[in-house]
Amino acid sequence: MKGKKTKKETIFDHNVTPDELEMLCGSRSVNEDYVIREISQMQWYALIYCLYNIRGDKKTASSYAAKIPDTADKIFGLLNHDYYR
């Protein structure tokens, strides 16, 4: 018996605009159902972190950075990217 699936928190839960979506994903529109399935929760936290940095909301961005383990930060390198600061 499989475990209960929980809903992932994504950039779509944070009212991402088409312009922001293009900055984060390279396109103004994406197949939301597909990307939600394919991207891990830690990757979504990194994207939410980037979204709030783009918006200039460092406090909220920091709260999402805190949810990402140091090892994930080192693997993906997203939190150290100067573009999002």
PDB file of N, CA and C in Angstrom:
ATOM      1  N   MET A   1       0.841  -1.181   0.000  1.00  0.00           N
ATOM      2  CA  MET A   1       0.000   0.000   0.000  1.00  0.00           C
ATOM      3  C   MET A   1       0.886   1.244   0.000  1.00  0.00           C
ATOM      4  N   LYS A   2       0.617   2.158  -0.914  1.00  0.00           N
ATOM      5  CA  LYS A   2       1.403   3.374  -1.025  1.00  0.00           C
ATOM      6  C   LYS A   2       1.023   4.363   0.059  1.00  0.00           C
ATOM      7  N   GLY A   3       2.014   5.201   0.439  1.00  0.00           N
ATOM      8  CA  GLY A   3       1.772   6.240   1.437  1.00  0.00           C
ATOM      9  C   GLY A   3       0.890   7.345   0.872  1.00  0.00           C
ATOM     10  N   LYS A   4       0.324   8.107   1.764  1.00  0.00           N
ATOM     11  CA  LYS A   4      -0.545   9.210   1.374  1.00  0.00           C
ATOM     12  C   LYS A   4       0.287  10.306   0.704  1.00  0.00           C
ATOM     13  N   LYS A   5      -0.170  10.774  -0.446  1.00  0.00           N
ATOM     14  CA  LYS A   5       0.520  11.851  -1.135  1.00  0.00           C
ATOM     15  C   LYS A   5       0.080  13.185  -0.549  1.00  0.00           C
ATOM     16  N   THR A   6       1.051  14.059  -0.352  1.00  0.00           N
ATOM     17  CA  THR A   6       0.730  15.392   0.127  1.00  0.00           C
ATOM     18  C   THR A   6       0.915  16.371  -1.026  1.00  0.00           C
ATOM     19  N   LYS A   7       0.159  17.446  -0.988  1.00  0.00           N
ATOM     20  CA  LYS A   7       0.240  18.463  -2.028  1.00  0.00           C
ATOM     21  C   LYS A   7       1.551  19.238  -1.890  1.00  0.00           C
ATOM     22  N   LYS A   8       2.237  19.408  -2.999  1.00  0.00           N
ATOM     23  CA  LYS A   8       3.466  20.190  -3.005  1.00  0.00           C
ATOM     24  C   LYS A   8       3.123  21.673  -3.014  1.00  0.00           C
ATOM     25  N   GLU A   9       3.933  22.444  -2.309  1.00  0.00           N
ATOM     26  CA  GLU A   9       3.821  23.894  -2.387  1.00  0.00           C
ATOM     27  C   GLU A   9       4.678  24.344  -3.560  1.00  0.00           C
ATOM     28  N   THR A  10       4.108  25.124  -4.466  1.00  0.00           N
ATOM     29  CA  THR A  10       4.803  25.527  -5.686  1.00  0.00           C
ATOM     30  C   THR A  10       4.693  27.035  -5.902  1.00  0.00           C
ATOM     31  N   ILE A  11       5.370  27.524  -6.918  1.00  0.00           N
ATOM     32  CA  ILE A  11       5.275  28.943  -7.273  1.00  0.00           C
ATOM     33  C   ILE A  11       3.858  29.306  -7.693  1.00  0.00           C
ATOM     34  N   PHE A  12       3.095  28.324  -8.145  1.00  0.00           N
ATOM     35  CA  PHE A  12       1.716  28.585  -8.568  1.00  0.00           C
ATOM     36  C   PHE A  12       0.815  28.913  -7.377  1.00  0.00           C
ATOM     37  N   ASP A  13       1.220  28.506  -6.188  1.00  0.00           N
ATOM     38  CA  ASP A  13       0.492  28.852  -4.959  1.00  0.00           C
ATOM     39  C   ASP A  13       0.803  30.277  -4.522  1.00  0.00           C
ATOM     40  N   HIS A  14       1.744  30.928  -5.209  1.00  0.00           N
ATOM     41  CA  HIS A  14       2.196  32.266  -4.825  1.00  0.00           C
ATOM     42  C   HIS A  14       1.913  33.295  -5.921  1.00  0.00           C
ATOM     43  N   ASN A  15       0.895  33.007  -6.722  1.00  0.00           N
ATOM     44  CA  ASN A  15       0.422  33.938  -7.760  1.00  0.00           C
ATOM     45  C   ASN A  15       1.544  34.428  -8.681  1.00  0.00           C
ATOM     46  N   VAL A  16       2.323  33.482  -9.190  1.00  0.00           N
ATOM     47  CA  VAL A  16       3.401  33.819 -10.115  1.00  0.00           C
ATOM     48  C   VAL A  16       2.806  34.453 -11.376  1.00  0.00           C
ATOM     49  N   THR A  17       3.417  35.544 -11.829  1.00  0.00           N
ATOM     50  CA  THR A  17       2.957  36.220 -13.043  1.00  0.00           C
ATOM     51  C   THR A  17       3.620  35.592 -14.261  1.00  0.00           C
ATOM     52  N   PRO A  18       3.088  35.843 -15.464  1.00  0.00           N
ATOM     53  CA  PRO A  18       3.750  35.316 -16.668  1.00  0.00           C
ATOM     54  C   PRO A  18       5.193  35.803 -16.802  1.00  0.00           C
ATOM     55  N   ASP A  19       5.464  37.056 -16.450  1.00  0.00           N
ATOM     56  CA  ASP A  19       6.842  37.568 -16.526  1.00  0.00           C
ATOM     57  C   ASP A  19       7.759  36.834 -15.550  1.00  0.00           C
ATOM     58  N   GLU A  20       7.282  36.620 -14.326  1.00  0.00           N
ATOM     59  CA  GLU A  20       8.071  35.889 -13.329  1.00  0.00           C
ATOM     60  C   GLU A  20       8.283  34.448 -13.760  1.00  0.00           C
ATOM     61  N   LEU A  21       7.247  33.841 -14.315  1.00  0.00           N
ATOM     62  CA  LEU A  21       7.333  32.456 -14.790  1.00  0.00           C
ATOM     63  C   LEU A  21       8.408  32.332 -15.874  1.00  0.00           C
ATOM     64  N   GLU A  22       8.465  33.315 -16.752  1.00  0.00           N
ATOM     65  CA  GLU A  22       9.481  33.293 -17.802  1.00  0.00           C
ATOM     66  C   GLU A  22      10.881  33.414 -17.206  1.00  0.00           C
ATOM     67  N   MET A  23      11.054  34.266 -16.189  1.00  0.00           N
ATOM     68  CA  MET A  23      12.364  34.397 -15.543  1.00  0.00           C
ATOM     69  C   MET A  23      12.774  33.107 -14.843  1.00  0.00           C
ATOM     70  N   LEU A  24      11.817  32.423 -14.235  1.00  0.00           N
ATOM     71  CA  LEU A  24      12.117  31.227 -13.453  1.00  0.00           C
ATOM     72  C   LEU A  24      12.205  29.959 -14.292  1.00  0.00           C
ATOM     73  N   CYS A  25      11.347  29.859 -15.313  1.00  0.00           N
ATOM     74  CA  CYS A  25      11.233  28.601 -16.071  1.00  0.00           C
ATOM     75  C   CYS A  25      11.597  28.730 -17.546  1.00  0.00           C
ATOM     76  N   GLY A  26      11.844  29.950 -17.997  1.00  0.00           N
ATOM     77  CA  GLY A  26      12.216  30.138 -19.395  1.00  0.00           C
ATOM     78  C   GLY A  26      11.050  30.218 -20.353  1.00  0.00           C
ATOM     79  N   SER A  27       9.825  30.252 -19.836  1.00  0.00           N
ATOM     80  CA  SER A  27       8.639  30.326 -20.683  1.00  0.00           C
ATOM     81  C   SER A  27       7.526  31.033 -19.911  1.00  0.00           C
ATOM     82  N   ARG A  28       6.682  31.748 -20.637  1.00  0.00           N
ATOM     83  CA  ARG A  28       5.563  32.449 -19.998  1.00  0.00           C
ATOM     84  C   ARG A  28       4.401  31.507 -19.683  1.00  0.00           C
ATOM     85  N   SER A  29       4.453  30.309 -20.213  1.00  0.00           N
ATOM     86  CA  SER A  29       3.416  29.326 -19.890  1.00  0.00           C
ATOM     87  C   SER A  29       4.062  27.943 -19.829  1.00  0.00           C
ATOM     88  N   VAL A  30       3.602  27.144 -18.893  1.00  0.00           N
ATOM     89  CA  VAL A  30       4.101  25.778 -18.736  1.00  0.00           C
ATOM     90  C   VAL A  30       2.914  24.866 -18.436  1.00  0.00           C
ATOM     91  N   ASN A  31       3.121  23.578 -18.647  1.00  0.00           N
ATOM     92  CA  ASN A  31       2.106  22.595 -18.277  1.00  0.00           C
ATOM     93  C   ASN A  31       2.195  22.404 -16.766  1.00  0.00           C
ATOM     94  N   GLU A  32       1.326  23.111 -16.051  1.00  0.00           N
ATOM     95  CA  GLU A  32       1.381  23.149 -14.591  1.00  0.00           C
ATOM     96  C   GLU A  32       1.329  21.761 -13.963  1.00  0.00           C
ATOM     97  N   ASP A  33       0.409  20.917 -14.422  1.00  0.00           N
ATOM     98  CA  ASP A  33       0.291  19.565 -13.852  1.00  0.00           C
ATOM     99  C   ASP A  33       1.583  18.773 -14.034  1.00  0.00           C
ATOM    100  N   TYR A  34       2.196  18.892 -15.205  1.00  0.00           N
ATOM    101  CA  TYR A  34       3.423  18.146 -15.487  1.00  0.00           C
ATOM    102  C   TYR A  34       4.563  18.622 -14.596  1.00  0.00           C
ATOM    103  N   VAL A  35       4.802  19.928 -14.541  1.00  0.00           N
ATOM    104  CA  VAL A  35       5.944  20.402 -13.760  1.00  0.00           C
ATOM    105  C   VAL A  35       5.757  20.169 -12.271  1.00  0.00           C
ATOM    106  N   ILE A  36       4.532  20.229 -11.790  1.00  0.00           N
ATOM    107  CA  ILE A  36       4.294  19.952 -10.369  1.00  0.00           C
ATOM    108  C   ILE A  36       4.679  18.511 -10.057  1.00  0.00           C
ATOM    109  N   ARG A  37       4.350  17.588 -10.942  1.00  0.00           N
ATOM    110  CA  ARG A  37       4.695  16.172 -10.748  1.00  0.00           C
ATOM    111  C   ARG A  37       6.197  15.943 -10.820  1.00  0.00           C
ATOM    112  N   GLU A  38       6.872  16.613 -11.737  1.00  0.00           N
ATOM    113  CA  GLU A  38       8.266  16.316 -12.047  1.00  0.00           C
ATOM    114  C   GLU A  38       9.285  16.994 -11.139  1.00  0.00           C
ATOM    115  N   ILE A  39       8.912  18.065 -10.470  1.00  0.00           N
ATOM    116  CA  ILE A  39       9.857  18.815  -9.645  1.00  0.00           C
ATOM    117  C   ILE A  39       9.649  18.457  -8.179  1.00  0.00           C
ATOM    118  N   SER A  40      10.742  18.206  -7.475  1.00  0.00           N
ATOM    119  CA  SER A  40      10.660  17.818  -6.059  1.00  0.00           C
ATOM    120  C   SER A  40      10.268  19.012  -5.191  1.00  0.00           C
ATOM    121  N   GLN A  41       9.823  18.740  -3.980  1.00  0.00           N
ATOM    122  CA  GLN A  41       9.448  19.817  -3.066  1.00  0.00           C
ATOM    123  C   GLN A  41      10.633  20.720  -2.751  1.00  0.00           C
ATOM    124  N   MET A  42      11.833  20.157  -2.596  1.00  0.00           N
ATOM    125  CA  MET A  42      13.003  20.987  -2.322  1.00  0.00           C
ATOM    126  C   MET A  42      13.289  21.925  -3.494  1.00  0.00           C
ATOM    127  N   GLN A  43      13.127  21.430  -4.716  1.00  0.00           N
ATOM    128  CA  GLN A  43      13.317  22.283  -5.892  1.00  0.00           C
ATOM    129  C   GLN A  43      12.257  23.383  -5.935  1.00  0.00           C
ATOM    130  N   TRP A  44      11.030  23.042  -5.545  1.00  0.00           N
ATOM    131  CA  TRP A  44       9.980  24.075  -5.497  1.00  0.00           C
ATOM    132  C   TRP A  44      10.326  25.133  -4.460  1.00  0.00           C
ATOM    133  N   TYR A  45      10.823  24.723  -3.301  1.00  0.00           N
ATOM    134  CA  TYR A  45      11.221  25.713  -2.291  1.00  0.00           C
ATOM    135  C   TYR A  45      12.292  26.642  -2.854  1.00  0.00           C
ATOM    136  N   ALA A  46      13.236  26.086  -3.616  1.00  0.00           N
ATOM    137  CA  ALA A  46      14.280  26.918  -4.223  1.00  0.00           C
ATOM    138  C   ALA A  46      13.674  27.899  -5.223  1.00  0.00           C
ATOM    139  N   LEU A  47      12.716  27.442  -6.011  1.00  0.00           N
ATOM    140  CA  LEU A  47      12.058  28.339  -6.964  1.00  0.00           C
ATOM    141  C   LEU A  47      11.223  29.401  -6.254  1.00  0.00           C
ATOM    142  N   ILE A  48      10.563  29.038  -5.163  1.00  0.00           N
ATOM    143  CA  ILE A  48       9.792  30.019  -4.382  1.00  0.00           C
ATOM    144  C   ILE A  48      10.749  31.042  -3.783  1.00  0.00           C
ATOM    145  N   TYR A  49      11.888  30.568  -3.294  1.00  0.00           N
ATOM    146  CA  TYR A  49      12.935  31.465  -2.803  1.00  0.00           C
ATOM    147  C   TYR A  49      13.316  32.470  -3.896  1.00  0.00           C
ATOM    148  N   CYS A  50      13.576  31.978  -5.095  1.00  0.00           N
ATOM    149  CA  CYS A  50      13.954  32.844  -6.205  1.00  0.00           C
ATOM    150  C   CYS A  50      12.829  33.817  -6.559  1.00  0.00           C
ATOM    151  N   LEU A  51      11.593  33.339  -6.549  1.00  0.00           N
ATOM    152  CA  LEU A  51      10.438  34.185  -6.844  1.00  0.00           C
ATOM    153  C   LEU A  51      10.379  35.386  -5.908  1.00  0.00           C
ATOM    154  N   TYR A  52      10.537  35.132  -4.607  1.00  0.00           N
ATOM    155  CA  TYR A  52      10.456  36.232  -3.655  1.00  0.00           C
ATOM    156  C   TYR A  52      11.674  37.149  -3.729  1.00  0.00           C
ATOM    157  N   ASN A  53      12.813  36.620  -4.143  1.00  0.00           N
ATOM    158  CA  ASN A  53      13.964  37.492  -4.381  1.00  0.00           C
ATOM    159  C   ASN A  53      13.716  38.398  -5.585  1.00  0.00           C
ATOM    160  N   ILE A  54      13.135  37.853  -6.633  1.00  0.00           N
ATOM    161  CA  ILE A  54      12.776  38.664  -7.801  1.00  0.00           C
ATOM    162  C   ILE A  54      11.833  39.788  -7.377  1.00  0.00           C
ATOM    163  N   ARG A  55      10.914  39.480  -6.494  1.00  0.00           N
ATOM    164  CA  ARG A  55       9.938  40.465  -6.013  1.00  0.00           C
ATOM    165  C   ARG A  55      10.537  41.438  -4.996  1.00  0.00           C
ATOM    166  N   GLY A  56      11.751  41.172  -4.545  1.00  0.00           N
ATOM    167  CA  GLY A  56      12.393  42.048  -3.573  1.00  0.00           C
ATOM    168  C   GLY A  56      11.961  41.806  -2.138  1.00  0.00           C
ATOM    169  N   ASP A  57      11.304  40.673  -1.892  1.00  0.00           N
ATOM    170  CA  ASP A  57      10.825  40.322  -0.544  1.00  0.00           C
ATOM    171  C   ASP A  57      11.833  39.374   0.099  1.00  0.00           C
ATOM    172  N   LYS A  58      12.897  39.951   0.640  1.00  0.00           N
ATOM    173  CA  LYS A  58      13.998  39.150   1.201  1.00  0.00           C
ATOM    174  C   LYS A  58      13.570  38.344   2.428  1.00  0.00           C
ATOM    175  N   LYS A  59      12.644  38.890   3.220  1.00  0.00           N
ATOM    176  CA  LYS A  59      12.204  38.190   4.431  1.00  0.00           C
ATOM    177  C   LYS A  59      11.509  36.868   4.071  1.00  0.00           C
ATOM    178  N   THR A  60      10.566  36.935   3.122  1.00  0.00           N
ATOM    179  CA  THR A  60       9.872  35.708   2.708  1.00  0.00           C
ATOM    180  C   THR A  60      10.842  34.775   1.993  1.00  0.00           C
ATOM    181  N   ALA A  61      11.715  35.330   1.166  1.00  0.00           N
ATOM    182  CA  ALA A  61      12.715  34.503   0.477  1.00  0.00           C
ATOM    183  C   ALA A  61      13.554  33.739   1.493  1.00  0.00           C
ATOM    184  N   SER A  62      13.984  34.419   2.532  1.00  0.00           N
ATOM    185  CA  SER A  62      14.803  33.776   3.571  1.00  0.00           C
ATOM    186  C   SER A  62      14.062  32.645   4.263  1.00  0.00           C
ATOM    187  N   SER A  63      12.754  32.814   4.450  1.00  0.00           N
ATOM    188  CA  SER A  63      11.987  31.754   5.110  1.00  0.00           C
ATOM    189  C   SER A  63      11.955  30.488   4.254  1.00  0.00           C
ATOM    190  N   TYR A  64      11.973  30.641   2.922  1.00  0.00           N
ATOM    191  CA  TYR A  64      12.019  29.466   2.044  1.00  0.00           C
ATOM    192  C   TYR A  64      13.432  28.912   1.933  1.00  0.00           C
ATOM    193  N   ALA A  65      14.430  29.763   1.985  1.00  0.00           N
ATOM    194  CA  ALA A  65      15.818  29.291   1.974  1.00  0.00           C
ATOM    195  C   ALA A  65      16.073  28.403   3.186  1.00  0.00           C
ATOM    196  N   ALA A  66      15.464  28.744   4.308  1.00  0.00           N
ATOM    197  CA  ALA A  66      15.648  27.968   5.541  1.00  0.00           C
ATOM    198  C   ALA A  66      15.063  26.563   5.433  1.00  0.00           C
ATOM    199  N   LYS A  67      14.137  26.350   4.498  1.00  0.00           N
ATOM    200  CA  LYS A  67      13.514  25.027   4.326  1.00  0.00           C
ATOM    201  C   LYS A  67      14.368  24.085   3.479  1.00  0.00           C
ATOM    202  N   ILE A  68      15.419  24.629   2.861  1.00  0.00           N
ATOM    203  CA  ILE A  68      16.238  23.833   1.956  1.00  0.00           C
ATOM    204  C   ILE A  68      17.509  23.397   2.679  1.00  0.00           C
ATOM    205  N   PRO A  69      17.739  22.090   2.787  1.00  0.00           N
ATOM    206  CA  PRO A  69      18.949  21.603   3.465  1.00  0.00           C
ATOM    207  C   PRO A  69      20.207  22.102   2.759  1.00  0.00           C
ATOM    208  N   ASP A  70      21.283  22.278   3.525  1.00  0.00           N
ATOM    209  CA  ASP A  70      22.551  22.750   2.960  1.00  0.00           C
ATOM    210  C   ASP A  70      23.014  21.872   1.803  1.00  0.00           C
ATOM    211  N   THR A  71      22.784  20.582   1.889  1.00  0.00           N
ATOM    212  CA  THR A  71      23.234  19.688   0.819  1.00  0.00           C
ATOM    213  C   THR A  71      22.496  19.991  -0.480  1.00  0.00           C
ATOM    214  N   ALA A  72      21.198  20.281  -0.396  1.00  0.00           N
ATOM    215  CA  ALA A  72      20.440  20.613  -1.607  1.00  0.00           C
ATOM    216  C   ALA A  72      20.965  21.912  -2.195  1.00  0.00           C
ATOM    217  N   ASP A  73      21.278  22.874  -1.339  1.00  0.00           N
ATOM    218  CA  ASP A  73      21.835  24.147  -1.797  1.00  0.00           C
ATOM    219  C   ASP A  73      23.119  23.905  -2.571  1.00  0.00           C
ATOM    220  N   LYS A  74      23.961  23.041  -2.076  1.00  0.00           N
ATOM    221  CA  LYS A  74      25.237  22.775  -2.731  1.00  0.00           C
ATOM    222  C   LYS A  74      25.047  22.027  -4.049  1.00  0.00           C
ATOM    223  N   ILE A  75      24.086  21.126  -4.089  1.00  0.00           N
ATOM    224  CA  ILE A  75      23.843  20.351  -5.307  1.00  0.00           C
ATOM    225  C   ILE A  75      23.284  21.240  -6.405  1.00  0.00           C
ATOM    226  N   PHE A  76      22.274  22.038  -6.095  1.00  0.00           N
ATOM    227  CA  PHE A  76      21.600  22.826  -7.118  1.00  0.00           C
ATOM    228  C   PHE A  76      22.231  24.195  -7.319  1.00  0.00           C
ATOM    229  N   GLY A  77      22.917  24.714  -6.303  1.00  0.00           N
ATOM    230  CA  GLY A  77      23.575  25.994  -6.434  1.00  0.00           C
ATOM    231  C   GLY A  77      22.640  27.180  -6.576  1.00  0.00           C
ATOM    232  N   LEU A  78      21.373  26.983  -6.361  1.00  0.00           N
ATOM    233  CA  LEU A  78      20.399  28.046  -6.597  1.00  0.00           C
ATOM    234  C   LEU A  78      20.489  29.177  -5.593  1.00  0.00           C
ATOM    235  N   LEU A  79      20.753  28.852  -4.340  1.00  0.00           N
ATOM    236  CA  LEU A  79      20.727  29.888  -3.319  1.00  0.00           C
ATOM    237  C   LEU A  79      21.962  30.774  -3.346  1.00  0.00           C
ATOM    238  N   ASN A  80      22.990  30.366  -4.060  1.00  0.00           N
ATOM    239  CA  ASN A  80      24.219  31.150  -4.134  1.00  0.00           C
ATOM    240  C   ASN A  80      24.317  31.951  -5.425  1.00  0.00           C
ATOM    241  N   HIS A  81      23.305  31.892  -6.239  1.00  0.00           N
ATOM    242  CA  HIS A  81      23.345  32.553  -7.549  1.00  0.00           C
ATOM    243  C   HIS A  81      23.082  34.046  -7.383  1.00  0.00           C
ATOM    244  N   ASP A  82      24.035  34.874  -7.781  1.00  0.00           N
ATOM    245  CA  ASP A  82      23.926  36.328  -7.613  1.00  0.00           C
ATOM    246  C   ASP A  82      22.739  36.938  -8.346  1.00  0.00           C
ATOM    247  N   TYR A  83      22.243  36.280  -9.390  1.00  0.00           N
ATOM    248  CA  TYR A  83      21.114  36.800 -10.166  1.00  0.00           C
ATOM    249  C   TYR A  83      19.892  37.038  -9.301  1.00  0.00           C
ATOM    250  N   TYR A  84      19.697  36.202  -8.303  1.00  0.00           N
ATOM    251  CA  TYR A  84      18.489  36.275  -7.481  1.00  0.00           C
ATOM    252  C   TYR A  84      18.650  37.143  -6.247  1.00  0.00           C
ATOM    253  N   ARG A  85      19.799  37.805  -6.080  1.00  0.00           N
ATOM    254  CA  ARG A  85      20.014  38.632  -4.883  1.00  0.00           C
ATOM    255  C   ARG A  85      19.854  40.085  -5.196  1.00  0.00           C
TER     256      ARG A  85
END
